[in-house]
Full PDB file with SEQRES, HELIX, SHEET, SSBOND, CRYST1, ORIGX, SCALE, CONECT and MASTER records, all heavy atoms in Angstrom:
SEQRES   1 A   43  SER ALA GLU ARG ILE PHE THR GLY GLY PRO VAL LEU THR          
SEQRES   2 A   43  MET ASP ASP ALA ALA PRO GLU ALA GLU ALA LEU ALA VAL          
SEQRES   3 A   43  ARG GLY GLY GLU ILE ILE ALA VAL GLY ARG ALA ALA ASP          
SEQRES   4 A   43  VAL LEU ALA LEU                                              
HELIX    1 AA1 ALA A   37  LEU A   41  1                                   5    
SHEET    1 AA1 3 ARG A   4  LEU A  12  0                                        
SHEET    2 AA1 3 GLU A  20  ARG A  27 -1                                        
SHEET    3 AA1 3 GLU A  30  GLY A  35 -1                                        
CRYST1    1.000    1.000    1.000  90.00  90.00  90.00 P 1           1          
ORIGX1      1.000000  0.000000  0.000000        0.00000                         
ORIGX2      0.000000  1.000000  0.000000        0.00000                         
ORIGX3      0.000000  0.000000  1.000000        0.00000                         
SCALE1      1.000000  0.000000  0.000000        0.00000                         
SCALE2      0.000000  1.000000  0.000000        0.00000                         
SCALE3      0.000000  0.000000  1.000000        0.00000                         
ATOM      1  N   SER A   1       1.566  15.256  -8.177  1.00  0.00           N  
ATOM      2  CA  SER A   1       1.805  14.336  -7.060  1.00  0.00           C  
ATOM      3  C   SER A   1       3.156  14.531  -6.433  1.00  0.00           C  
ATOM      4  O   SER A   1       4.090  15.085  -7.041  1.00  0.00           O  
ATOM      5  CB  SER A   1       1.660  12.859  -7.536  1.00  0.00           C  
ATOM      6  OG  SER A   1       2.725  12.523  -8.506  1.00  0.00           O  
ATOM      7  N   ALA A   2       3.308  14.040  -5.212  1.00  0.00           N  
ATOM      8  CA  ALA A   2       4.553  14.214  -4.451  1.00  0.00           C  
ATOM      9  C   ALA A   2       5.540  13.148  -4.901  1.00  0.00           C  
ATOM     10  O   ALA A   2       5.217  12.030  -5.363  1.00  0.00           O  
ATOM     11  CB  ALA A   2       4.288  14.003  -2.967  1.00  0.00           C  
ATOM     12  N   GLU A   3       6.827  13.494  -4.829  1.00  0.00           N  
ATOM     13  CA  GLU A   3       7.878  12.551  -5.109  1.00  0.00           C  
ATOM     14  C   GLU A   3       8.109  11.642  -3.893  1.00  0.00           C  
ATOM     15  O   GLU A   3       8.392  10.457  -4.015  1.00  0.00           O  
ATOM     16  CB  GLU A   3       9.171  13.246  -5.433  1.00  0.00           C  
ATOM     17  CG  GLU A   3       9.132  14.062  -6.748  1.00  0.00           C  
ATOM     18  CD  GLU A   3      10.363  14.909  -6.903  1.00  0.00           C  
ATOM     19  OE1 GLU A   3      11.247  14.888  -6.031  1.00  0.00           O  
ATOM     20  OE2 GLU A   3      10.389  15.616  -7.933  1.00  0.00           O  
ATOM     21  N   ARG A   4       7.940  12.261  -2.707  1.00  0.00           N  
ATOM     22  CA  ARG A   4       8.195  11.435  -1.475  1.00  0.00           C  
ATOM     23  C   ARG A   4       7.257  12.011  -0.393  1.00  0.00           C  
ATOM     24  O   ARG A   4       7.085  13.205  -0.268  1.00  0.00           O  
ATOM     25  CB  ARG A   4       9.648  11.591  -1.085  1.00  0.00           C  
ATOM     26  CG  ARG A   4      10.087  10.730   0.118  1.00  0.00           C  
ATOM     27  CD  ARG A   4      11.575  10.786   0.368  1.00  0.00           C  
ATOM     28  NE  ARG A   4      12.317   9.933  -0.596  1.00  0.00           N  
ATOM     29  CZ  ARG A   4      13.165  10.336  -1.457  1.00  0.00           C  
ATOM     30  NH1 ARG A   4      13.388  11.680  -1.551  1.00  0.00           N  
ATOM     31  NH2 ARG A   4      13.780   9.525  -2.270  1.00  0.00           N  
ATOM     32  N   ILE A   5       6.680  11.115   0.397  1.00  0.00           N  
ATOM     33  CA  ILE A   5       5.889  11.473   1.475  1.00  0.00           C  
ATOM     34  C   ILE A   5       6.368  10.761   2.760  1.00  0.00           C  
ATOM     35  O   ILE A   5       6.608   9.619   2.770  1.00  0.00           O  
ATOM     36  CB  ILE A   5       4.324  11.125   1.249  1.00  0.00           C  
ATOM     37  CG1 ILE A   5       3.739  11.937   0.121  1.00  0.00           C  
ATOM     38  CG2 ILE A   5       3.502  11.273   2.583  1.00  0.00           C  
ATOM     39  CD1 ILE A   5       2.344  11.606  -0.270  1.00  0.00           C  
ATOM     40  N   PHE A   6       6.477  11.543   3.798  1.00  0.00           N  
ATOM     41  CA  PHE A   6       6.866  11.015   5.144  1.00  0.00           C  
ATOM     42  C   PHE A   6       5.675  11.027   6.046  1.00  0.00           C  
ATOM     43  O   PHE A   6       4.963  12.029   6.214  1.00  0.00           O  
ATOM     44  CB  PHE A   6       7.964  11.898   5.719  1.00  0.00           C  
ATOM     45  CG  PHE A   6       9.267  11.905   5.002  1.00  0.00           C  
ATOM     46  CD1 PHE A   6       9.399  12.839   3.928  1.00  0.00           C  
ATOM     47  CD2 PHE A   6      10.311  11.101   5.300  1.00  0.00           C  
ATOM     48  CE1 PHE A   6      10.580  12.903   3.187  1.00  0.00           C  
ATOM     49  CE2 PHE A   6      11.469  11.142   4.617  1.00  0.00           C  
ATOM     50  CZ  PHE A   6      11.607  12.060   3.518  1.00  0.00           C  
ATOM     51  N   THR A   7       5.399   9.826   6.641  1.00  0.00           N  
ATOM     52  CA  THR A   7       4.271   9.732   7.549  1.00  0.00           C  
ATOM     53  C   THR A   7       4.557   8.625   8.520  1.00  0.00           C  
ATOM     54  O   THR A   7       5.526   7.880   8.377  1.00  0.00           O  
ATOM     55  CB  THR A   7       2.981   9.470   6.776  1.00  0.00           C  
ATOM     56  OG1 THR A   7       1.833   9.542   7.616  1.00  0.00           O  
ATOM     57  CG2 THR A   7       3.030   8.077   6.095  1.00  0.00           C  
ATOM     58  N   GLY A   8       3.698   8.573   9.585  1.00  0.00           N  
ATOM     59  CA  GLY A   8       3.840   7.483  10.543  1.00  0.00           C  
ATOM     60  C   GLY A   8       4.709   7.840  11.780  1.00  0.00           C  
ATOM     61  O   GLY A   8       5.066   6.982  12.572  1.00  0.00           O  
ATOM     62  N   GLY A   9       4.946   9.140  11.935  1.00  0.00           N  
ATOM     63  CA  GLY A   9       5.718   9.629  13.085  1.00  0.00           C  
ATOM     64  C   GLY A   9       5.542  11.108  13.235  1.00  0.00           C  
ATOM     65  O   GLY A   9       5.079  11.759  12.324  1.00  0.00           O  
ATOM     66  N   PRO A  10       5.921  11.689  14.348  1.00  0.00           N  
ATOM     67  CA  PRO A  10       5.734  13.116  14.537  1.00  0.00           C  
ATOM     68  C   PRO A  10       6.647  13.882  13.600  1.00  0.00           C  
ATOM     69  O   PRO A  10       7.786  13.569  13.442  1.00  0.00           O  
ATOM     70  CB  PRO A  10       6.137  13.319  16.058  1.00  0.00           C  
ATOM     71  CG  PRO A  10       7.012  12.199  16.358  1.00  0.00           C  
ATOM     72  CD  PRO A  10       6.547  11.020  15.508  1.00  0.00           C  
ATOM     73  N   VAL A  11       6.111  15.007  13.067  1.00  0.00           N  
ATOM     74  CA  VAL A  11       6.836  15.881  12.212  1.00  0.00           C  
ATOM     75  C   VAL A  11       7.001  17.205  13.036  1.00  0.00           C  
ATOM     76  O   VAL A  11       5.982  17.881  13.286  1.00  0.00           O  
ATOM     77  CB  VAL A  11       6.118  16.157  10.940  1.00  0.00           C  
ATOM     78  CG1 VAL A  11       6.871  17.225  10.062  1.00  0.00           C  
ATOM     79  CG2 VAL A  11       5.886  14.907  10.107  1.00  0.00           C  
ATOM     80  N   LEU A  12       8.208  17.420  13.516  1.00  0.00           N  
ATOM     81  CA  LEU A  12       8.477  18.617  14.353  1.00  0.00           C  
ATOM     82  C   LEU A  12       8.982  19.724  13.469  1.00  0.00           C  
ATOM     83  O   LEU A  12      10.123  19.714  13.019  1.00  0.00           O  
ATOM     84  CB  LEU A  12       9.494  18.243  15.426  1.00  0.00           C  
ATOM     85  CG  LEU A  12       9.194  16.973  16.248  1.00  0.00           C  
ATOM     86  CD1 LEU A  12      10.195  16.785  17.336  1.00  0.00           C  
ATOM     87  CD2 LEU A  12       7.777  17.029  16.808  1.00  0.00           C  
ATOM     88  N   THR A  13       8.142  20.727  13.230  1.00  0.00           N  
ATOM     89  CA  THR A  13       8.418  21.687  12.178  1.00  0.00           C  
ATOM     90  C   THR A  13       9.288  22.870  12.532  1.00  0.00           C  
ATOM     91  O   THR A  13       9.835  23.517  11.644  1.00  0.00           O  
ATOM     92  CB  THR A  13       7.093  22.266  11.689  1.00  0.00           C  
ATOM     93  OG1 THR A  13       6.470  23.118  12.670  1.00  0.00           O  
ATOM     94  CG2 THR A  13       6.123  21.137  11.254  1.00  0.00           C  
ATOM     95  N   MET A  14       9.441  23.176  13.814  1.00  0.00           N  
ATOM     96  CA  MET A  14      10.083  24.380  14.278  1.00  0.00           C  
ATOM     97  C   MET A  14       9.411  25.686  13.791  1.00  0.00           C  
ATOM     98  O   MET A  14       9.936  26.766  13.874  1.00  0.00           O  
ATOM     99  CB  MET A  14      11.587  24.476  13.880  1.00  0.00           C  
ATOM    100  CG  MET A  14      12.344  23.237  14.297  1.00  0.00           C  
ATOM    101  SD  MET A  14      12.370  22.997  16.085  1.00  0.00           S  
ATOM    102  CE  MET A  14      12.340  21.172  16.187  1.00  0.00           C  
ATOM    103  N   ASP A  15       8.172  25.531  13.310  1.00  0.00           N  
ATOM    104  CA  ASP A  15       7.336  26.635  12.869  1.00  0.00           C  
ATOM    105  C   ASP A  15       6.314  26.954  13.994  1.00  0.00           C  
ATOM    106  O   ASP A  15       5.473  26.159  14.304  1.00  0.00           O  
ATOM    107  CB  ASP A  15       6.651  26.247  11.602  1.00  0.00           C  
ATOM    108  CG  ASP A  15       5.788  27.303  10.994  1.00  0.00           C  
ATOM    109  OD1 ASP A  15       5.677  28.390  11.580  1.00  0.00           O  
ATOM    110  OD2 ASP A  15       5.232  27.121   9.881  1.00  0.00           O  
ATOM    111  N   ASP A  16       6.466  28.120  14.570  1.00  0.00           N  
ATOM    112  CA  ASP A  16       5.521  28.471  15.673  1.00  0.00           C  
ATOM    113  C   ASP A  16       4.037  28.490  15.301  1.00  0.00           C  
ATOM    114  O   ASP A  16       3.186  28.212  16.097  1.00  0.00           O  
ATOM    115  CB  ASP A  16       5.882  29.859  16.208  1.00  0.00           C  
ATOM    116  CG  ASP A  16       7.138  29.846  16.975  1.00  0.00           C  
ATOM    117  OD1 ASP A  16       7.604  28.750  17.425  1.00  0.00           O  
ATOM    118  OD2 ASP A  16       7.763  30.990  17.093  1.00  0.00           O  
ATOM    119  N   ALA A  17       3.785  28.648  13.991  1.00  0.00           N  
ATOM    120  CA  ALA A  17       2.412  28.703  13.530  1.00  0.00           C  
ATOM    121  C   ALA A  17       1.788  27.344  13.477  1.00  0.00           C  
ATOM    122  O   ALA A  17       0.514  27.148  13.570  1.00  0.00           O  
ATOM    123  CB  ALA A  17       2.332  29.371  12.104  1.00  0.00           C  
ATOM    124  N   ALA A  18       2.632  26.254  13.297  1.00  0.00           N  
ATOM    125  CA  ALA A  18       2.116  24.905  13.302  1.00  0.00           C  
ATOM    126  C   ALA A  18       3.330  23.992  13.683  1.00  0.00           C  
ATOM    127  O   ALA A  18       4.008  23.405  12.896  1.00  0.00           O  
ATOM    128  CB  ALA A  18       1.674  24.538  11.895  1.00  0.00           C  
ATOM    129  N   PRO A  19       3.555  23.933  15.003  1.00  0.00           N  
ATOM    130  CA  PRO A  19       4.744  23.273  15.481  1.00  0.00           C  
ATOM    131  C   PRO A  19       4.840  21.752  15.265  1.00  0.00           C  
ATOM    132  O   PRO A  19       5.957  21.196  15.228  1.00  0.00           O  
ATOM    133  CB  PRO A  19       4.802  23.544  16.968  1.00  0.00           C  
ATOM    134  CG  PRO A  19       3.411  23.956  17.329  1.00  0.00           C  
ATOM    135  CD  PRO A  19       2.825  24.506  16.106  1.00  0.00           C  
ATOM    136  N   GLU A  20       3.706  21.065  15.075  1.00  0.00           N  
ATOM    137  CA  GLU A  20       3.794  19.621  14.870  1.00  0.00           C  
ATOM    138  C   GLU A  20       2.750  19.248  13.751  1.00  0.00           C  
ATOM    139  O   GLU A  20       1.661  19.804  13.669  1.00  0.00           O  
ATOM    140  CB  GLU A  20       3.457  18.902  16.145  1.00  0.00           C  
ATOM    141  CG  GLU A  20       3.587  17.357  16.081  1.00  0.00           C  
ATOM    142  CD  GLU A  20       3.508  16.679  17.373  1.00  0.00           C  
ATOM    143  OE1 GLU A  20       3.472  17.379  18.430  1.00  0.00           O  
ATOM    144  OE2 GLU A  20       3.514  15.418  17.346  1.00  0.00           O  
ATOM    145  N   ALA A  21       3.113  18.201  12.984  1.00  0.00           N  
ATOM    146  CA  ALA A  21       2.227  17.717  11.935  1.00  0.00           C  
ATOM    147  C   ALA A  21       2.368  16.216  11.883  1.00  0.00           C  
ATOM    148  O   ALA A  21       3.171  15.625  12.612  1.00  0.00           O  
ATOM    149  CB  ALA A  21       2.614  18.319  10.597  1.00  0.00           C  
ATOM    150  N   GLU A  22       1.498  15.608  11.052  1.00  0.00           N  
ATOM    151  CA  GLU A  22       1.448  14.164  10.931  1.00  0.00           C  
ATOM    152  C   GLU A  22       2.201  13.641   9.700  1.00  0.00           C  
ATOM    153  O   GLU A  22       2.582  12.497   9.699  1.00  0.00           O  
ATOM    154  CB  GLU A  22       0.017  13.658  10.899  1.00  0.00           C  
ATOM    155  CG  GLU A  22      -0.809  13.979  12.111  1.00  0.00           C  
ATOM    156  CD  GLU A  22      -2.299  13.534  11.986  1.00  0.00           C  
ATOM    157  OE1 GLU A  22      -2.672  13.408  10.862  1.00  0.00           O  
ATOM    158  OE2 GLU A  22      -2.899  13.464  13.061  1.00  0.00           O  
ATOM    159  N   ALA A  23       2.398  14.493   8.735  1.00  0.00           N  
ATOM    160  CA  ALA A  23       3.018  14.044   7.452  1.00  0.00           C  
ATOM    161  C   ALA A  23       3.555  15.252   6.708  1.00  0.00           C  
ATOM    162  O   ALA A  23       3.210  16.391   6.923  1.00  0.00           O  
ATOM    163  CB  ALA A  23       2.008  13.306   6.622  1.00  0.00           C  
ATOM    164  N   LEU A  24       4.487  14.899   5.789  1.00  0.00           N  
ATOM    165  CA  LEU A  24       5.064  15.912   4.917  1.00  0.00           C  
ATOM    166  C   LEU A  24       5.331  15.401   3.531  1.00  0.00           C  
ATOM    167  O   LEU A  24       5.715  14.191   3.407  1.00  0.00           O  
ATOM    168  CB  LEU A  24       6.410  16.393   5.613  1.00  0.00           C  
ATOM    169  CG  LEU A  24       7.216  17.419   4.876  1.00  0.00           C  
ATOM    170  CD1 LEU A  24       7.879  18.335   5.954  1.00  0.00           C  
ATOM    171  CD2 LEU A  24       8.347  16.750   4.053  1.00  0.00           C  
ATOM    172  N   ALA A  25       5.168  16.202   2.541  1.00  0.00           N  
ATOM    173  CA  ALA A  25       5.335  15.828   1.122  1.00  0.00           C  
ATOM    174  C   ALA A  25       6.374  16.645   0.464  1.00  0.00           C  
ATOM    175  O   ALA A  25       6.455  17.907   0.727  1.00  0.00           O  
ATOM    176  CB  ALA A  25       4.035  15.923   0.421  1.00  0.00           C  
ATOM    177  N   VAL A  26       7.122  16.088  -0.440  1.00  0.00           N  
ATOM    178  CA  VAL A  26       8.267  16.741  -1.117  1.00  0.00           C  
ATOM    179  C   VAL A  26       8.119  16.581  -2.629  1.00  0.00           C  
ATOM    180  O   VAL A  26       7.723  15.455  -3.108  1.00  0.00           O  
ATOM    181  CB  VAL A  26       9.605  16.135  -0.706  1.00  0.00           C  
ATOM    182  CG1 VAL A  26      10.743  16.752  -1.467  1.00  0.00           C  
ATOM    183  CG2 VAL A  26       9.830  16.304   0.767  1.00  0.00           C  
ATOM    184  N   ARG A  27       8.417  17.654  -3.361  1.00  0.00           N  
ATOM    185  CA  ARG A  27       8.524  17.559  -4.849  1.00  0.00           C  
ATOM    186  C   ARG A  27       9.514  18.619  -5.249  1.00  0.00           C  
ATOM    187  O   ARG A  27       9.424  19.735  -4.853  1.00  0.00           O  
ATOM    188  CB  ARG A  27       7.169  17.779  -5.542  1.00  0.00           C  
ATOM    189  CG  ARG A  27       7.239  17.584  -7.087  1.00  0.00           C  
ATOM    190  CD  ARG A  27       5.926  17.719  -7.755  1.00  0.00           C  
ATOM    191  NE  ARG A  27       5.333  18.998  -7.595  1.00  0.00           N  
ATOM    192  CZ  ARG A  27       4.170  19.253  -6.980  1.00  0.00           C  
ATOM    193  NH1 ARG A  27       3.455  18.241  -6.446  1.00  0.00           N  
ATOM    194  NH2 ARG A  27       3.674  20.477  -6.864  1.00  0.00           N  
ATOM    195  N   GLY A  28      10.411  18.235  -6.226  1.00  0.00           N  
ATOM    196  CA  GLY A  28      11.324  19.230  -6.756  1.00  0.00           C  
ATOM    197  C   GLY A  28      12.211  19.869  -5.731  1.00  0.00           C  
ATOM    198  O   GLY A  28      12.662  21.034  -5.927  1.00  0.00           O  
ATOM    199  N   GLY A  29      12.562  19.173  -4.637  1.00  0.00           N  
ATOM    200  CA  GLY A  29      13.474  19.665  -3.656  1.00  0.00           C  
ATOM    201  C   GLY A  29      12.753  20.547  -2.660  1.00  0.00           C  
ATOM    202  O   GLY A  29      13.393  21.015  -1.695  1.00  0.00           O  
ATOM    203  N   GLU A  30      11.461  20.809  -2.773  1.00  0.00           N  
ATOM    204  CA  GLU A  30      10.755  21.693  -1.841  1.00  0.00           C  
ATOM    205  C   GLU A  30       9.652  20.929  -1.121  1.00  0.00           C  
ATOM    206  O   GLU A  30       9.209  19.835  -1.538  1.00  0.00           O  
ATOM    207  CB  GLU A  30      10.036  22.859  -2.635  1.00  0.00           C  
ATOM    208  CG  GLU A  30      10.979  23.861  -3.175  1.00  0.00           C  
ATOM    209  CD  GLU A  30      10.302  25.029  -3.744  1.00  0.00           C  
ATOM    210  OE1 GLU A  30       9.059  25.019  -3.765  1.00  0.00           O  
ATOM    211  OE2 GLU A  30      10.938  25.975  -4.230  1.00  0.00           O  
ATOM    212  N   ILE A  31       9.232  21.454  -0.008  1.00  0.00           N  
ATOM    213  CA  ILE A  31       8.121  20.914   0.767  1.00  0.00           C  
ATOM    214  C   ILE A  31       6.843  21.463   0.103  1.00  0.00           C  
ATOM    215  O   ILE A  31       6.653  22.674   0.007  1.00  0.00           O  
ATOM    216  CB  ILE A  31       8.199  21.389   2.183  1.00  0.00           C  
ATOM    217  CG1 ILE A  31       9.440  20.911   2.895  1.00  0.00           C  
ATOM    218  CG2 ILE A  31       6.991  20.947   2.984  1.00  0.00           C  
ATOM    219  CD1 ILE A  31       9.758  21.498   4.210  1.00  0.00           C  
ATOM    220  N   ILE A  32       6.007  20.552  -0.319  1.00  0.00           N  
ATOM    221  CA  ILE A  32       4.782  20.999  -0.965  1.00  0.00           C  
ATOM    222  C   ILE A  32       3.558  20.789  -0.086  1.00  0.00           C  
ATOM    223  O   ILE A  32       2.465  21.333  -0.369  1.00  0.00           O  
ATOM    224  CB  ILE A  32       4.541  20.232  -2.336  1.00  0.00           C  
ATOM    225  CG1 ILE A  32       4.389  18.708  -2.082  1.00  0.00           C  
ATOM    226  CG2 ILE A  32       5.678  20.542  -3.303  1.00  0.00           C  
ATOM    227  CD1 ILE A  32       3.904  17.954  -3.285  1.00  0.00           C  
ATOM    228  N   ALA A  33       3.701  20.123   1.025  1.00  0.00           N  
ATOM    229  CA  ALA A  33       2.552  19.978   1.967  1.00  0.00           C  
ATOM    230  C   ALA A  33       3.152  19.524   3.326  1.00  0.00           C  
ATOM    231  O   ALA A  33       4.048  18.717   3.322  1.00  0.00           O  
ATOM    232  CB  ALA A  33       1.515  19.003   1.490  1.00  0.00           C  
ATOM    233  N   VAL A  34       2.526  20.002   4.375  1.00  0.00           N  
ATOM    234  CA  VAL A  34       2.863  19.558   5.667  1.00  0.00           C  
ATOM    235  C   VAL A  34       1.610  19.729   6.523  1.00  0.00           C  
ATOM    236  O   VAL A  34       0.967  20.809   6.580  1.00  0.00           O  
ATOM    237  CB  VAL A  34       4.059  20.285   6.338  1.00  0.00           C  
ATOM    238  CG1 VAL A  34       3.845  21.769   6.347  1.00  0.00           C  
ATOM    239  CG2 VAL A  34       4.414  19.774   7.645  1.00  0.00           C  
ATOM    240  N   GLY A  35       1.132  18.646   7.196  1.00  0.00           N  
ATOM    241  CA  GLY A  35      -0.077  18.768   7.929  1.00  0.00           C  
ATOM    242  C   GLY A  35      -0.693  17.402   8.308  1.00  0.00           C  
ATOM    243  O   GLY A  35       0.060  16.435   8.643  1.00  0.00           O  
ATOM    244  N   ARG A  36      -1.948  17.307   8.246  1.00  0.00           N  
ATOM    245  CA  ARG A  36      -2.662  16.034   8.572  1.00  0.00           C  
ATOM    246  C   ARG A  36      -2.289  14.956   7.572  1.00  0.00           C  
ATOM    247  O   ARG A  36      -2.126  15.158   6.352  1.00  0.00           O  
ATOM    248  CB  ARG A  36      -4.168  16.213   8.557  1.00  0.00           C  
ATOM    249  CG  ARG A  36      -4.653  17.144   9.686  1.00  0.00           C  
ATOM    250  CD  ARG A  36      -6.164  17.416   9.579  1.00  0.00           C  
ATOM    251  NE  ARG A  36      -6.966  16.193   9.643  1.00  0.00           N  
ATOM    252  CZ  ARG A  36      -7.671  15.714   8.630  1.00  0.00           C  
ATOM    253  NH1 ARG A  36      -7.712  16.348   7.496  1.00  0.00           N  
ATOM    254  NH2 ARG A  36      -8.333  14.592   8.821  1.00  0.00           N  
ATOM    255  N   ALA A  37      -2.125  13.725   8.116  1.00  0.00           N  
ATOM    256  CA  ALA A  37      -1.728  12.570   7.250  1.00  0.00           C  
ATOM    257  C   ALA A  37      -2.674  12.391   6.067  1.00  0.00           C  
ATOM    258  O   ALA A  37      -2.256  12.202   4.910  1.00  0.00           O  
ATOM    259  CB  ALA A  37      -1.568  11.340   8.064  1.00  0.00           C  
ATOM    260  N   ALA A  38      -3.959  12.472   6.335  1.00  0.00           N  
ATOM    261  CA  ALA A  38      -4.936  12.221   5.269  1.00  0.00           C  
ATOM    262  C   ALA A  38      -4.803  13.257   4.135  1.00  0.00           C  
ATOM    263  O   ALA A  38      -4.923  12.951   2.981  1.00  0.00           O  
ATOM    264  CB  ALA A  38      -6.381  12.270   5.836  1.00  0.00           C  
ATOM    265  N   ASP A  39      -4.557  14.487   4.517  1.00  0.00           N  
ATOM    266  CA  ASP A  39      -4.467  15.552   3.481  1.00  0.00           C  
ATOM    267  C   ASP A  39      -3.161  15.376   2.669  1.00  0.00           C  
ATOM    268  O   ASP A  39      -3.164  15.549   1.451  1.00  0.00           O  
ATOM    269  CB  ASP A  39      -4.478  16.912   4.152  1.00  0.00           C  
ATOM    270  CG  ASP A  39      -5.786  17.241   4.886  1.00  0.00           C  
ATOM    271  OD1 ASP A  39      -6.806  16.677   4.443  1.00  0.00           O  
ATOM    272  OD2 ASP A  39      -5.764  18.055   5.810  1.00  0.00           O  
ATOM    273  N   VAL A  40      -2.065  15.056   3.333  1.00  0.00           N  
ATOM    274  CA  VAL A  40      -0.799  14.913   2.658  1.00  0.00           C  
ATOM    275  C   VAL A  40      -0.788  13.697   1.802  1.00  0.00           C  
ATOM    276  O   VAL A  40      -0.290  13.712   0.631  1.00  0.00           O  
ATOM    277  CB  VAL A  40       0.326  14.898   3.606  1.00  0.00           C  
ATOM    278  CG1 VAL A  40       1.667  14.642   3.025  1.00  0.00           C  
ATOM    279  CG2 VAL A  40       0.409  16.267   4.452  1.00  0.00           C  
ATOM    280  N   LEU A  41      -1.333  12.632   2.282  1.00  0.00           N  
ATOM    281  CA  LEU A  41      -1.430  11.367   1.522  1.00  0.00           C  
ATOM    282  C   LEU A  41      -2.213  11.509   0.234  1.00  0.00           C  
ATOM    283  O   LEU A  41      -2.179  10.700  -0.659  1.00  0.00           O  
ATOM    284  CB  LEU A  41      -1.820  10.196   2.371  1.00  0.00           C  
ATOM    285  CG  LEU A  41      -0.785   9.720   3.354  1.00  0.00           C  
ATOM    286  CD1 LEU A  41      -1.417   8.735   4.377  1.00  0.00           C  
ATOM    287  CD2 LEU A  41       0.370   9.067   2.596  1.00  0.00           C  
ATOM    288  N   ALA A  42      -3.111  12.483   0.212  1.00  0.00           N  
ATOM    289  CA  ALA A  42      -3.951  12.718  -1.005  1.00  0.00           C  
ATOM    290  C   ALA A  42      -3.040  13.169  -2.168  1.00  0.00           C  
ATOM    291  O   ALA A  42      -3.466  13.111  -3.367  1.00  0.00           O  
ATOM    292  CB  ALA A  42      -4.951  13.793  -0.746  1.00  0.00           C  
ATOM    293  N   LEU A  43      -1.791  13.531  -1.915  1.00  0.00           N  
ATOM    294  CA  LEU A  43      -0.847  13.883  -2.976  1.00  0.00           C  
ATOM    295  C   LEU A  43      -0.099  12.686  -3.509  1.00  0.00           C  
ATOM    296  O   LEU A  43       0.783  12.884  -4.327  1.00  0.00           O  
ATOM    297  CB  LEU A  43       0.081  14.959  -2.449  1.00  0.00           C  
ATOM    298  CG  LEU A  43      -0.541  16.275  -2.001  1.00  0.00           C  
ATOM    299  CD1 LEU A  43       0.507  17.156  -1.318  1.00  0.00           C  
ATOM    300  CD2 LEU A  43      -1.128  16.984  -3.217  1.00  0.00           C  
TER     301      LEU A  43                                                      
MASTER        0    0    0    1    3    0    0    6  300    1    0    4          
END                                                                             
């Protein structure tokens, strides 16, 4: 599971492959998921 999940606002990634997301999850100092809120909240 994630240590921290951010959701409820735009996630501007600066990644040309996926420039915007709905949520982001963190564990161990790393990003473990970034994408649709439903998928990220599953963590």
